[in-house]
């Protein structure tokens, strides 16, 4: 196949390109050339900007486009419409954040999506999900049954620039007392970027249309199980100090970012219980969590991970909280 990847050198896009090349496809990358431009010399590389700099895409035909870098509907429309007559399938990577209501478990692909409260293109704000939903609409309007919409949950593994999962394997590998949020049986959903990449390429290979929640793993996962697996894989002496969510909120600890995987707000009770049956029926498979943890740790130890990612508590802040909660419940795992 001839596959065009919009992006292709950071995190999910990077894994998508590796999978596509590994399966013998002809890959073209379109990006600004700012992130790891030396990658994939065997692929055709087109330089430009998604927002008004699409001249390099004026010619050429592809069997599929994999859009891993679309966040603003106006910008997505530019590439979608330009390529409409020269592409057989357009796969857009969206997000489960499109859903309007996470207060209950079991959100599936037919659930209502969020709408913008006011006009904005600031996808780094609370409008992220609503903007992604509008991007999906653009792709569907332009491609009809030639559109494939993939809605991942938290994407994890090597080359993640955010640290939203990497924090836990790294912190536990360092050992000692580790602050963790109650409830310890809170559900967790993550998907390894490599599993997602393999499945995205499979979807375009098989010419599959539709909308899919790309969340995992297949078996139920909890915070306790995640941390226990981190301890096992890292062979760590870490001692987990569990602290009640309300006490953490009182101290201003930020959900999701300062303590990744944790959301205390009741309106997000179903955020990590999204239904993935449709994606599994379409071939989505998951590697063992231990392998993701081991590979993430190896990536960190090799020095390739960002030294100061945006997610996670600093050691100084964690120590302050541990001292404050010294009478909290402790649990060895």
C-alpha atoms as a PDB file:
ATOM      1  CA  UNK A   1       0.000   0.000   0.000  1.00  0.00           C
ATOM      2  CA  UNK A   2       0.912   3.644  -0.439  1.00  0.00           C
ATOM      3  CA  UNK A   3       0.361   5.271   2.946  1.00  0.00           C
ATOM      4  CA  UNK A   4       0.558   8.977   3.742  1.00  0.00           C
ATOM      5  CA  UNK A   5       1.178   9.826   7.401  1.00  0.00           C
ATOM      6  CA  UNK A   6       0.418  13.354   8.577  1.00  0.00           C
ATOM      7  CA  UNK A   7       3.050  13.727  11.272  1.00  0.00           C
ATOM      8  CA  UNK A   8       4.967  10.514  11.714  1.00  0.00           C
ATOM      9  CA  UNK A   9       8.013  11.323  13.838  1.00  0.00           C
ATOM     10  CA  UNK A  10       6.630  11.728  17.360  1.00  0.00           C
ATOM     11  CA  UNK A  11       5.149   9.044  19.608  1.00  0.00           C
ATOM     12  CA  UNK A  12       2.156   7.349  17.960  1.00  0.00           C
ATOM     13  CA  UNK A  13       3.053   8.619  14.496  1.00  0.00           C
ATOM     14  CA  UNK A  14       6.566   7.286  14.899  1.00  0.00           C
ATOM     15  CA  UNK A  15       5.256   3.833  15.793  1.00  0.00           C
ATOM     16  CA  UNK A  16       2.757   3.921  12.930  1.00  0.00           C
ATOM     17  CA  UNK A  17       5.545   4.571  10.442  1.00  0.00           C
ATOM     18  CA  UNK A  18       7.709   1.805  11.900  1.00  0.00           C
ATOM     19  CA  UNK A  19       4.841  -0.666  11.577  1.00  0.00           C
ATOM     20  CA  UNK A  20       3.937   0.398   8.043  1.00  0.00           C
ATOM     21  CA  UNK A  21       7.520   0.213   6.819  1.00  0.00           C
ATOM     22  CA  UNK A  22       7.999  -3.109   8.591  1.00  0.00           C
ATOM     23  CA  UNK A  23       5.041  -4.518   6.670  1.00  0.00           C
ATOM     24  CA  UNK A  24       6.504  -3.442   3.361  1.00  0.00           C
ATOM     25  CA  UNK A  25       4.282  -0.449   2.619  1.00  0.00           C
ATOM     26  CA  UNK A  26       5.417   2.637   0.714  1.00  0.00           C
ATOM     27  CA  UNK A  27       5.271   5.446   3.258  1.00  0.00           C
ATOM     28  CA  UNK A  28       5.192   9.193   2.723  1.00  0.00           C
ATOM     29  CA  UNK A  29       5.590  11.557   5.682  1.00  0.00           C
ATOM     30  CA  UNK A  30       4.190  15.060   5.678  1.00  0.00           C
ATOM     31  CA  UNK A  31       5.358  17.304   8.513  1.00  0.00           C
ATOM     32  CA  UNK A  32       7.328  20.447   9.323  1.00  0.00           C
ATOM     33  CA  UNK A  33      10.587  18.576   9.817  1.00  0.00           C
ATOM     34  CA  UNK A  34      11.059  19.898  13.345  1.00  0.00           C
ATOM     35  CA  UNK A  35      10.824  16.676  15.367  1.00  0.00           C
ATOM     36  CA  UNK A  36      13.454  14.015  14.660  1.00  0.00           C
ATOM     37  CA  UNK A  37      13.781  14.888  10.955  1.00  0.00           C
ATOM     38  CA  UNK A  38      16.505  12.267  10.567  1.00  0.00           C
ATOM     39  CA  UNK A  39      14.059   9.411  11.115  1.00  0.00           C
ATOM     40  CA  UNK A  40      12.966   7.015   8.383  1.00  0.00           C
ATOM     41  CA  UNK A  41      15.315   7.905   5.512  1.00  0.00           C
ATOM     42  CA  UNK A  42      13.720   5.095   3.504  1.00  0.00           C
ATOM     43  CA  UNK A  43      10.380   6.929   3.468  1.00  0.00           C
ATOM     44  CA  UNK A  44       9.447   9.796   1.175  1.00  0.00           C
ATOM     45  CA  UNK A  45       9.436  13.008   3.193  1.00  0.00           C
ATOM     46  CA  UNK A  46       7.358  16.045   2.270  1.00  0.00           C
ATOM     47  CA  UNK A  47       7.799  19.290   4.160  1.00  0.00           C
ATOM     48  CA  UNK A  48       5.041  21.748   4.916  1.00  0.00           C
ATOM     49  CA  UNK A  49       2.563  22.978   7.490  1.00  0.00           C
ATOM     50  CA  UNK A  50      -0.934  21.612   8.009  1.00  0.00           C
ATOM     51  CA  UNK A  51      -2.234  25.129   8.483  1.00  0.00           C
ATOM     52  CA  UNK A  52      -1.888  26.798   5.110  1.00  0.00           C
ATOM     53  CA  UNK A  53       1.327  25.143   3.958  1.00  0.00           C
ATOM     54  CA  UNK A  54       0.044  22.147   2.000  1.00  0.00           C
ATOM     55  CA  UNK A  55       1.779  22.786  -1.332  1.00  0.00           C
ATOM     56  CA  UNK A  56       3.832  19.596  -1.028  1.00  0.00           C
ATOM     57  CA  UNK A  57       0.570  17.622  -1.009  1.00  0.00           C
ATOM     58  CA  UNK A  58      -0.776  19.198  -4.193  1.00  0.00           C
ATOM     59  CA  UNK A  59       0.184  16.096  -6.193  1.00  0.00           C
ATOM     60  CA  UNK A  60       0.280  12.403  -5.438  1.00  0.00           C
ATOM     61  CA  UNK A  61      -2.152   9.585  -4.728  1.00  0.00           C
ATOM     62  CA  UNK A  62      -2.292   7.248  -1.762  1.00  0.00           C
ATOM     63  CA  UNK A  63      -4.292   4.225  -0.707  1.00  0.00           C
ATOM     64  CA  UNK A  64      -4.655   5.591   2.806  1.00  0.00           C
ATOM     65  CA  UNK A  65      -3.946   8.590   4.997  1.00  0.00           C
ATOM     66  CA  UNK A  66      -3.181   8.127   8.685  1.00  0.00           C
ATOM     67  CA  UNK A  67      -3.782  11.409  10.452  1.00  0.00           C
ATOM     68  CA  UNK A  68      -2.086  11.308  13.856  1.00  0.00           C
ATOM     69  CA  UNK A  69      -1.683  15.060  14.272  1.00  0.00           C
ATOM     70  CA  UNK A  70      -5.088  16.687  13.783  1.00  0.00           C
ATOM     71  CA  UNK A  71      -6.516  18.792  16.621  1.00  0.00           C
ATOM     72  CA  UNK A  72      -8.303  21.782  15.057  1.00  0.00           C
ATOM     73  CA  UNK A  73     -11.264  21.182  12.689  1.00  0.00           C
ATOM     74  CA  UNK A  74     -10.391  24.096  10.394  1.00  0.00           C
ATOM     75  CA  UNK A  75      -6.887  22.688   9.933  1.00  0.00           C
ATOM     76  CA  UNK A  76      -8.068  19.102   9.476  1.00  0.00           C
ATOM     77  CA  UNK A  77     -10.495  20.279   6.804  1.00  0.00           C
ATOM     78  CA  UNK A  78      -7.615  21.702   4.742  1.00  0.00           C
ATOM     79  CA  UNK A  79      -5.862  18.351   4.334  1.00  0.00           C
ATOM     80  CA  UNK A  80      -9.038  16.256   4.214  1.00  0.00           C
ATOM     81  CA  UNK A  81     -10.547  18.240   1.355  1.00  0.00           C
ATOM     82  CA  UNK A  82      -7.282  18.646  -0.547  1.00  0.00           C
ATOM     83  CA  UNK A  83      -6.714  14.868  -0.559  1.00  0.00           C
ATOM     84  CA  UNK A  84     -10.319  13.736  -0.946  1.00  0.00           C
ATOM     85  CA  UNK A  85     -10.104  12.738  -4.621  1.00  0.00           C
ATOM     86  CA  UNK A  86      -6.636  11.213  -4.328  1.00  0.00           C
ATOM     87  CA  UNK A  87      -6.962   8.991  -1.256  1.00  0.00           C
ATOM     88  CA  UNK A  88      -9.012   5.828  -0.800  1.00  0.00           C
ATOM     89  CA  UNK A  89      -9.275   5.868   3.017  1.00  0.00           C
ATOM     90  CA  UNK A  90      -8.700   8.503   5.699  1.00  0.00           C
ATOM     91  CA  UNK A  91      -7.983   7.236   9.210  1.00  0.00           C
ATOM     92  CA  UNK A  92      -8.246   9.949  11.833  1.00  0.00           C
ATOM     93  CA  UNK A  93      -6.828   9.432  15.314  1.00  0.00           C
ATOM     94  CA  UNK A  94      -9.235  11.137  17.690  1.00  0.00           C
ATOM     95  CA  UNK A  95      -9.673  10.551  21.447  1.00  0.00           C
ATOM     96  CA  UNK A  96     -12.133   9.142  23.981  1.00  0.00           C
ATOM     97  CA  UNK A  97     -12.125  12.712  25.301  1.00  0.00           C
ATOM     98  CA  UNK A  98     -14.786  13.459  22.684  1.00  0.00           C
ATOM     99  CA  UNK A  99     -17.506  12.040  24.941  1.00  0.00           C
ATOM    100  CA  UNK A 100     -19.780  14.448  26.776  1.00  0.00           C
ATOM    101  CA  UNK A 101     -20.490  12.304  29.839  1.00  0.00           C
ATOM    102  CA  UNK A 102     -18.088  10.059  31.749  1.00  0.00           C
ATOM    103  CA  UNK A 103     -20.160   9.835  34.918  1.00  0.00           C
ATOM    104  CA  UNK A 104     -21.157   6.224  34.200  1.00  0.00           C
ATOM    105  CA  UNK A 105     -19.150   3.206  33.040  1.00  0.00           C
ATOM    106  CA  UNK A 106     -19.509   1.575  29.658  1.00  0.00           C
ATOM    107  CA  UNK A 107     -19.343   4.572  27.307  1.00  0.00           C
ATOM    108  CA  UNK A 108     -19.504   3.209  23.771  1.00  0.00           C
ATOM    109  CA  UNK A 109     -19.076   4.727  20.337  1.00  0.00           C
ATOM    110  CA  UNK A 110     -22.724   5.748  20.084  1.00  0.00           C
ATOM    111  CA  UNK A 111     -22.616   7.997  23.162  1.00  0.00           C
ATOM    112  CA  UNK A 112     -23.095  11.740  22.810  1.00  0.00           C
ATOM    113  CA  UNK A 113     -19.991  13.817  22.165  1.00  0.00           C
ATOM    114  CA  UNK A 114     -18.968  17.120  23.697  1.00  0.00           C
ATOM    115  CA  UNK A 115     -19.769  20.448  22.055  1.00  0.00           C
ATOM    116  CA  UNK A 116     -17.833  23.684  22.244  1.00  0.00           C
ATOM    117  CA  UNK A 117     -19.106  26.068  24.888  1.00  0.00           C
ATOM    118  CA  UNK A 118     -17.557  28.975  22.990  1.00  0.00           C
ATOM    119  CA  UNK A 119     -15.558  29.361  19.800  1.00  0.00           C
ATOM    120  CA  UNK A 120     -11.907  28.448  20.278  1.00  0.00           C
ATOM    121  CA  UNK A 121      -9.056  26.610  18.610  1.00  0.00           C
ATOM    122  CA  UNK A 122      -7.131  26.128  21.857  1.00  0.00           C
ATOM    123  CA  UNK A 123      -6.893  22.351  21.895  1.00  0.00           C
ATOM    124  CA  UNK A 124      -4.675  22.432  24.976  1.00  0.00           C
ATOM    125  CA  UNK A 125      -7.667  23.640  26.986  1.00  0.00           C
ATOM    126  CA  UNK A 126     -10.839  21.933  28.221  1.00  0.00           C
ATOM    127  CA  UNK A 127     -12.096  22.297  24.650  1.00  0.00           C
ATOM    128  CA  UNK A 128      -9.772  19.480  23.507  1.00  0.00           C
ATOM    129  CA  UNK A 129     -12.481  16.813  23.335  1.00  0.00           C
ATOM    130  CA  UNK A 130     -15.052  19.011  21.638  1.00  0.00           C
ATOM    131  CA  UNK A 131     -12.500  20.087  19.029  1.00  0.00           C
ATOM    132  CA  UNK A 132     -11.587  16.463  18.349  1.00  0.00           C
ATOM    133  CA  UNK A 133     -15.282  15.675  17.896  1.00  0.00           C
ATOM    134  CA  UNK A 134     -15.553  18.456  15.313  1.00  0.00           C
ATOM    135  CA  UNK A 135     -12.454  17.114  13.544  1.00  0.00           C
ATOM    136  CA  UNK A 136     -14.190  13.740  13.319  1.00  0.00           C
ATOM    137  CA  UNK A 137     -17.216  15.416  11.725  1.00  0.00           C
ATOM    138  CA  UNK A 138     -15.005  17.026   9.099  1.00  0.00           C
ATOM    139  CA  UNK A 139     -13.458  13.679   8.168  1.00  0.00           C
ATOM    140  CA  UNK A 140     -16.836  11.915   7.992  1.00  0.00           C
ATOM    141  CA  UNK A 141     -18.384  14.693   5.921  1.00  0.00           C
ATOM    142  CA  UNK A 142     -15.485  14.574   3.475  1.00  0.00           C
ATOM    143  CA  UNK A 143     -14.953  10.818   3.193  1.00  0.00           C
ATOM    144  CA  UNK A 144     -18.242   9.143   4.155  1.00  0.00           C
ATOM    145  CA  UNK A 145     -17.752   5.378   4.414  1.00  0.00           C
ATOM    146  CA  UNK A 146     -14.101   5.859   3.491  1.00  0.00           C
ATOM    147  CA  UNK A 147     -13.509   7.406   6.943  1.00  0.00           C
ATOM    148  CA  UNK A 148     -12.144   5.491   9.912  1.00  0.00           C
ATOM    149  CA  UNK A 149     -12.231   7.154  13.332  1.00  0.00           C
ATOM    150  CA  UNK A 150     -10.044   5.777  16.125  1.00  0.00           C
ATOM    151  CA  UNK A 151     -10.622   7.060  19.662  1.00  0.00           C
ATOM    152  CA  UNK A 152      -7.731   6.068  21.924  1.00  0.00           C
ATOM    153  CA  UNK A 153      -7.643   6.425  25.657  1.00  0.00           C
ATOM    154  CA  UNK A 154      -4.327   7.123  27.380  1.00  0.00           C
ATOM    155  CA  UNK A 155      -1.552   6.111  24.972  1.00  0.00           C
ATOM    156  CA  UNK A 156       1.557   4.834  26.745  1.00  0.00           C
ATOM    157  CA  UNK A 157       4.966   3.314  26.161  1.00  0.00           C
ATOM    158  CA  UNK A 158       8.318   4.350  24.668  1.00  0.00           C
ATOM    159  CA  UNK A 159       8.539   7.802  23.062  1.00  0.00           C
ATOM    160  CA  UNK A 160       5.660   9.244  25.098  1.00  0.00           C
ATOM    161  CA  UNK A 161       6.610  12.930  25.552  1.00  0.00           C
ATOM    162  CA  UNK A 162       4.050  13.573  28.313  1.00  0.00           C
ATOM    163  CA  UNK A 163       5.174  11.275  31.135  1.00  0.00           C
ATOM    164  CA  UNK A 164       1.540  10.474  31.964  1.00  0.00           C
ATOM    165  CA  UNK A 165       2.340   6.777  32.342  1.00  0.00           C
ATOM    166  CA  UNK A 166       6.129   6.796  32.383  1.00  0.00           C
ATOM    167  CA  UNK A 167       6.032   8.464  35.803  1.00  0.00           C
ATOM    168  CA  UNK A 168       4.952   5.293  37.570  1.00  0.00           C
ATOM    169  CA  UNK A 169       7.535   2.793  36.233  1.00  0.00           C
ATOM    170  CA  UNK A 170      10.298   5.390  36.656  1.00  0.00           C
ATOM    171  CA  UNK A 171       9.258   6.456  40.127  1.00  0.00           C
ATOM    172  CA  UNK A 172       8.815   2.902  41.393  1.00  0.00           C
ATOM    173  CA  UNK A 173      12.135   1.817  39.896  1.00  0.00           C
ATOM    174  CA  UNK A 174      13.767   4.500  42.066  1.00  0.00           C
ATOM    175  CA  UNK A 175      12.407   2.742  45.164  1.00  0.00           C
ATOM    176  CA  UNK A 176      11.530   4.018  48.612  1.00  0.00           C
ATOM    177  CA  UNK A 177       8.170   5.356  49.767  1.00  0.00           C
ATOM    178  CA  UNK A 178       5.931   6.130  46.786  1.00  0.00           C
ATOM    179  CA  UNK A 179       2.822   8.281  47.133  1.00  0.00           C
ATOM    180  CA  UNK A 180      -0.235   6.773  45.434  1.00  0.00           C
ATOM    181  CA  UNK A 181      -3.901   7.807  45.315  1.00  0.00           C
ATOM    182  CA  UNK A 182      -6.808   5.912  46.785  1.00  0.00           C
ATOM    183  CA  UNK A 183      -8.946   4.133  45.915  1.00  0.00           C
ATOM    184  CA  UNK A 184      -6.404   1.480  45.084  1.00  0.00           C
ATOM    185  CA  UNK A 185      -8.986  -0.543  43.181  1.00  0.00           C
ATOM    186  CA  UNK A 186      -9.750   2.368  40.848  1.00  0.00           C
ATOM    187  CA  UNK A 187      -9.970   1.155  37.229  1.00  0.00           C
ATOM    188  CA  UNK A 188      -7.194   1.991  34.785  1.00  0.00           C
ATOM    189  CA  UNK A 189      -7.273   1.917  30.994  1.00  0.00           C
ATOM    190  CA  UNK A 190      -4.175   2.394  28.857  1.00  0.00           C
ATOM    191  CA  UNK A 191      -3.061   1.333  25.401  1.00  0.00           C
ATOM    192  CA  UNK A 192       0.505   0.731  24.308  1.00  0.00           C
ATOM    193  CA  UNK A 193       1.298   3.017  21.371  1.00  0.00           C
ATOM    194  CA  UNK A 194       2.745   0.053  19.472  1.00  0.00           C
ATOM    195  CA  UNK A 195      -0.484  -1.955  19.801  1.00  0.00           C
ATOM    196  CA  UNK A 196      -2.440   1.061  18.623  1.00  0.00           C
ATOM    197  CA  UNK A 197      -0.064   1.629  15.709  1.00  0.00           C
ATOM    198  CA  UNK A 198      -0.249  -1.988  14.568  1.00  0.00           C
ATOM    199  CA  UNK A 199      -4.017  -1.901  14.690  1.00  0.00           C
ATOM    200  CA  UNK A 200      -4.307   1.410  12.818  1.00  0.00           C
ATOM    201  CA  UNK A 201      -2.209   0.014   9.992  1.00  0.00           C
ATOM    202  CA  UNK A 202      -4.327  -3.152  10.052  1.00  0.00           C
ATOM    203  CA  UNK A 203      -7.518  -1.096   9.718  1.00  0.00           C
ATOM    204  CA  UNK A 204      -6.350   0.620   6.543  1.00  0.00           C
ATOM    205  CA  UNK A 205      -4.941  -2.615   5.164  1.00  0.00           C
ATOM    206  CA  UNK A 206      -8.334  -4.250   5.658  1.00  0.00           C
ATOM    207  CA  UNK A 207     -10.205  -1.141   4.473  1.00  0.00           C
ATOM    208  CA  UNK A 208     -12.302  -1.014   7.654  1.00  0.00           C
ATOM    209  CA  UNK A 209     -14.670   1.897   8.189  1.00  0.00           C
ATOM    210  CA  UNK A 210     -16.389   2.994  11.368  1.00  0.00           C
ATOM    211  CA  UNK A 211     -15.628   4.522  14.754  1.00  0.00           C
ATOM    212  CA  UNK A 212     -13.763   2.651  17.480  1.00  0.00           C
ATOM    213  CA  UNK A 213     -12.768   3.138  21.119  1.00  0.00           C
ATOM    214  CA  UNK A 214      -9.112   2.102  21.264  1.00  0.00           C
ATOM    215  CA  UNK A 215      -8.717   1.425  24.973  1.00  0.00           C
ATOM    216  CA  UNK A 216      -7.248  -1.445  26.891  1.00  0.00           C
ATOM    217  CA  UNK A 217      -6.243  -3.771  28.233  1.00  0.00           C
ATOM    218  CA  UNK A 218      -8.608  -6.653  27.588  1.00  0.00           C
ATOM    219  CA  UNK A 219      -8.735  -7.803  31.224  1.00  0.00           C
ATOM    220  CA  UNK A 220      -9.781  -5.369  33.999  1.00  0.00           C
ATOM    221  CA  UNK A 221      -6.890  -3.356  35.411  1.00  0.00           C
ATOM    222  CA  UNK A 222      -6.651  -1.363  38.637  1.00  0.00           C
ATOM    223  CA  UNK A 223      -4.203   1.087  40.143  1.00  0.00           C
ATOM    224  CA  UNK A 224      -2.986  -1.607  42.540  1.00  0.00           C
ATOM    225  CA  UNK A 225      -2.274  -3.993  39.688  1.00  0.00           C
ATOM    226  CA  UNK A 226      -0.401  -1.338  37.704  1.00  0.00           C
ATOM    227  CA  UNK A 227       1.858  -0.437  40.621  1.00  0.00           C
ATOM    228  CA  UNK A 228       2.374  -4.056  41.602  1.00  0.00           C
ATOM    229  CA  UNK A 229       3.453  -4.882  38.061  1.00  0.00           C
ATOM    230  CA  UNK A 230       5.826  -1.901  38.048  1.00  0.00           C
ATOM    231  CA  UNK A 231       7.401  -3.218  41.264  1.00  0.00           C
ATOM    232  CA  UNK A 232       7.707  -6.727  39.838  1.00  0.00           C
ATOM    233  CA  UNK A 233       9.214  -5.659  36.513  1.00  0.00           C
ATOM    234  CA  UNK A 234      11.603  -3.135  38.073  1.00  0.00           C
ATOM    235  CA  UNK A 235      12.514  -5.514  40.919  1.00  0.00           C
ATOM    236  CA  UNK A 236      12.001  -2.550  43.157  1.00  0.00           C
ATOM    237  CA  UNK A 237      11.876  -2.196  46.931  1.00  0.00           C
ATOM    238  CA  UNK A 238       9.260   0.545  46.552  1.00  0.00           C
ATOM    239  CA  UNK A 239       6.768   0.885  49.381  1.00  0.00           C
ATOM    240  CA  UNK A 240       3.391   2.227  48.291  1.00  0.00           C
ATOM    241  CA  UNK A 241       1.844   4.837  50.579  1.00  0.00           C
ATOM    242  CA  UNK A 242      -1.853   5.068  49.727  1.00  0.00           C
ATOM    243  CA  UNK A 243      -3.518   8.395  50.482  1.00  0.00           C
ATOM    244  CA  UNK A 244      -7.230   9.191  50.319  1.00  0.00           C
ATOM    245  CA  UNK A 245      -8.259  11.146  47.246  1.00  0.00           C
ATOM    246  CA  UNK A 246      -9.984  13.898  49.211  1.00  0.00           C
ATOM    247  CA  UNK A 247      -6.824  14.569  51.199  1.00  0.00           C
ATOM    248  CA  UNK A 248      -4.803  14.860  48.007  1.00  0.00           C
ATOM    249  CA  UNK A 249      -7.379  17.247  46.524  1.00  0.00           C
ATOM    250  CA  UNK A 250      -7.234  19.338  49.697  1.00  0.00           C
ATOM    251  CA  UNK A 251      -3.490  19.732  49.180  1.00  0.00           C
ATOM    252  CA  UNK A 252      -3.955  20.886  45.608  1.00  0.00           C
ATOM    253  CA  UNK A 253      -2.533  17.768  43.957  1.00  0.00           C
ATOM    254  CA  UNK A 254      -3.560  17.843  40.317  1.00  0.00           C
ATOM    255  CA  UNK A 255      -5.525  14.881  39.058  1.00  0.00           C
ATOM    256  CA  UNK A 256      -4.189  13.062  35.984  1.00  0.00           C
ATOM    257  CA  UNK A 257      -1.086  15.216  35.558  1.00  0.00           C
ATOM    258  CA  UNK A 258       0.672  15.338  38.958  1.00  0.00           C
ATOM    259  CA  UNK A 259      -0.482  11.828  39.847  1.00  0.00           C
ATOM    260  CA  UNK A 260      -1.025  10.152  36.474  1.00  0.00           C
ATOM    261  CA  UNK A 261      -3.896   7.692  35.950  1.00  0.00           C
ATOM    262  CA  UNK A 262      -5.803   9.273  38.871  1.00  0.00           C
ATOM    263  CA  UNK A 263      -9.096  11.133  38.485  1.00  0.00           C
ATOM    264  CA  UNK A 264     -11.029  11.816  41.682  1.00  0.00           C
ATOM    265  CA  UNK A 265     -13.891  13.883  40.255  1.00  0.00           C
ATOM    266  CA  UNK A 266     -17.220  11.976  40.334  1.00  0.00           C
ATOM    267  CA  UNK A 267     -18.153  13.248  36.880  1.00  0.00           C
ATOM    268  CA  UNK A 268     -15.276  11.150  35.525  1.00  0.00           C
ATOM    269  CA  UNK A 269     -16.189   7.929  37.343  1.00  0.00           C
ATOM    270  CA  UNK A 270     -16.508   6.104  34.013  1.00  0.00           C
ATOM    271  CA  UNK A 271     -13.476   7.644  32.324  1.00  0.00           C
ATOM    272  CA  UNK A 272     -11.414   4.459  32.696  1.00  0.00           C
ATOM    273  CA  UNK A 273     -14.312   2.096  32.027  1.00  0.00           C
ATOM    274  CA  UNK A 274     -14.901   2.894  28.348  1.00  0.00           C
ATOM    275  CA  UNK A 275     -16.299   0.055  26.235  1.00  0.00           C
ATOM    276  CA  UNK A 276     -13.796  -1.434  23.763  1.00  0.00           C
ATOM    277  CA  UNK A 277     -15.829  -4.363  22.412  1.00  0.00           C
ATOM    278  CA  UNK A 278     -16.136  -2.923  18.916  1.00  0.00           C
ATOM    279  CA  UNK A 279     -12.382  -2.368  18.594  1.00  0.00           C
ATOM    280  CA  UNK A 280     -11.552  -5.847  19.872  1.00  0.00           C
ATOM    281  CA  UNK A 281     -13.995  -7.321  17.367  1.00  0.00           C
ATOM    282  CA  UNK A 282     -12.119  -5.382  14.674  1.00  0.00           C
ATOM    283  CA  UNK A 283      -8.803  -6.937  15.669  1.00  0.00           C
ATOM    284  CA  UNK A 284      -7.351  -4.721  18.405  1.00  0.00           C
ATOM    285  CA  UNK A 285      -4.986  -6.760  20.581  1.00  0.00           C
ATOM    286  CA  UNK A 286      -2.927  -5.869  23.633  1.00  0.00           C
ATOM    287  CA  UNK A 287       0.554  -6.902  24.730  1.00  0.00           C
ATOM    288  CA  UNK A 288       1.080  -7.763  28.414  1.00  0.00           C
ATOM    289  CA  UNK A 289       1.332  -4.744  30.689  1.00  0.00           C
ATOM    290  CA  UNK A 290       4.660  -6.024  32.010  1.00  0.00           C
ATOM    291  CA  UNK A 291       6.182  -5.760  28.562  1.00  0.00           C
ATOM    292  CA  UNK A 292       5.019  -2.158  28.209  1.00  0.00           C
ATOM    293  CA  UNK A 293       6.506  -1.333  31.617  1.00  0.00           C
ATOM    294  CA  UNK A 294       9.803  -3.070  30.835  1.00  0.00           C
ATOM    295  CA  UNK A 295      10.171  -1.359  27.464  1.00  0.00           C
ATOM    296  CA  UNK A 296       9.260   2.008  28.952  1.00  0.00           C
ATOM    297  CA  UNK A 297      11.897   1.600  31.655  1.00  0.00           C
ATOM    298  CA  UNK A 298      14.502   0.563  29.093  1.00  0.00           C
ATOM    299  CA  UNK A 299      13.693   3.662  27.048  1.00  0.00           C
ATOM    300  CA  UNK A 300      14.104   5.858  30.120  1.00  0.00           C
ATOM    301  CA  UNK A 301      17.336   4.156  31.176  1.00  0.00           C
ATOM    302  CA  UNK A 302      18.771   4.576  27.675  1.00  0.00           C
ATOM    303  CA  UNK A 303      18.460   8.330  28.079  1.00  0.00           C
ATOM    304  CA  UNK A 304      15.966   8.815  25.243  1.00  0.00           C
ATOM    305  CA  UNK A 305      13.042   9.919  27.409  1.00  0.00           C
ATOM    306  CA  UNK A 306      12.429  13.618  28.136  1.00  0.00           C
ATOM    307  CA  UNK A 307      14.347  14.526  31.320  1.00  0.00           C
ATOM    308  CA  UNK A 308      11.530  16.708  32.659  1.00  0.00           C
ATOM    309  CA  UNK A 309       8.159  15.633  31.220  1.00  0.00           C
ATOM    310  CA  UNK A 310       5.083  17.698  32.060  1.00  0.00           C
ATOM    311  CA  UNK A 311       3.351  14.954  34.079  1.00  0.00           C
ATOM    312  CA  UNK A 312       4.247  13.631  37.509  1.00  0.00           C
ATOM    313  CA  UNK A 313       5.110  14.929  40.950  1.00  0.00           C
ATOM    314  CA  UNK A 314       8.577  16.294  41.557  1.00  0.00           C
ATOM    315  CA  UNK A 315      10.484  14.314  44.162  1.00  0.00           C
ATOM    316  CA  UNK A 316      10.526  17.375  46.400  1.00  0.00           C
ATOM    317  CA  UNK A 317       6.752  17.801  46.220  1.00  0.00           C
ATOM    318  CA  UNK A 318       6.200  14.097  46.781  1.00  0.00           C
ATOM    319  CA  UNK A 319       8.425  14.156  49.860  1.00  0.00           C
ATOM    320  CA  UNK A 320       6.469  17.100  51.273  1.00  0.00           C
ATOM    321  CA  UNK A 321       3.238  15.194  50.826  1.00  0.00           C
ATOM    322  CA  UNK A 322       4.651  11.981  52.261  1.00  0.00           C
ATOM    323  CA  UNK A 323       5.732  13.834  55.378  1.00  0.00           C
ATOM    324  CA  UNK A 324       2.303  15.418  55.655  1.00  0.00           C
ATOM    325  CA  UNK A 325       0.564  12.063  55.281  1.00  0.00           C
ATOM    326  CA  UNK A 326       2.977  10.061  57.421  1.00  0.00           C
ATOM    327  CA  UNK A 327       0.038   8.511  59.244  1.00  0.00           C
ATOM    328  CA  UNK A 328      -1.610   7.429  55.995  1.00  0.00           C
ATOM    329  CA  UNK A 329      -2.278   3.775  55.234  1.00  0.00           C
ATOM    330  CA  UNK A 330       0.790   2.008  53.868  1.00  0.00           C
ATOM    331  CA  UNK A 331       0.752  -1.107  51.793  1.00  0.00           C
ATOM    332  CA  UNK A 332       3.647  -3.246  50.538  1.00  0.00           C
ATOM    333  CA  UNK A 333       3.248  -4.680  47.086  1.00  0.00           C
END
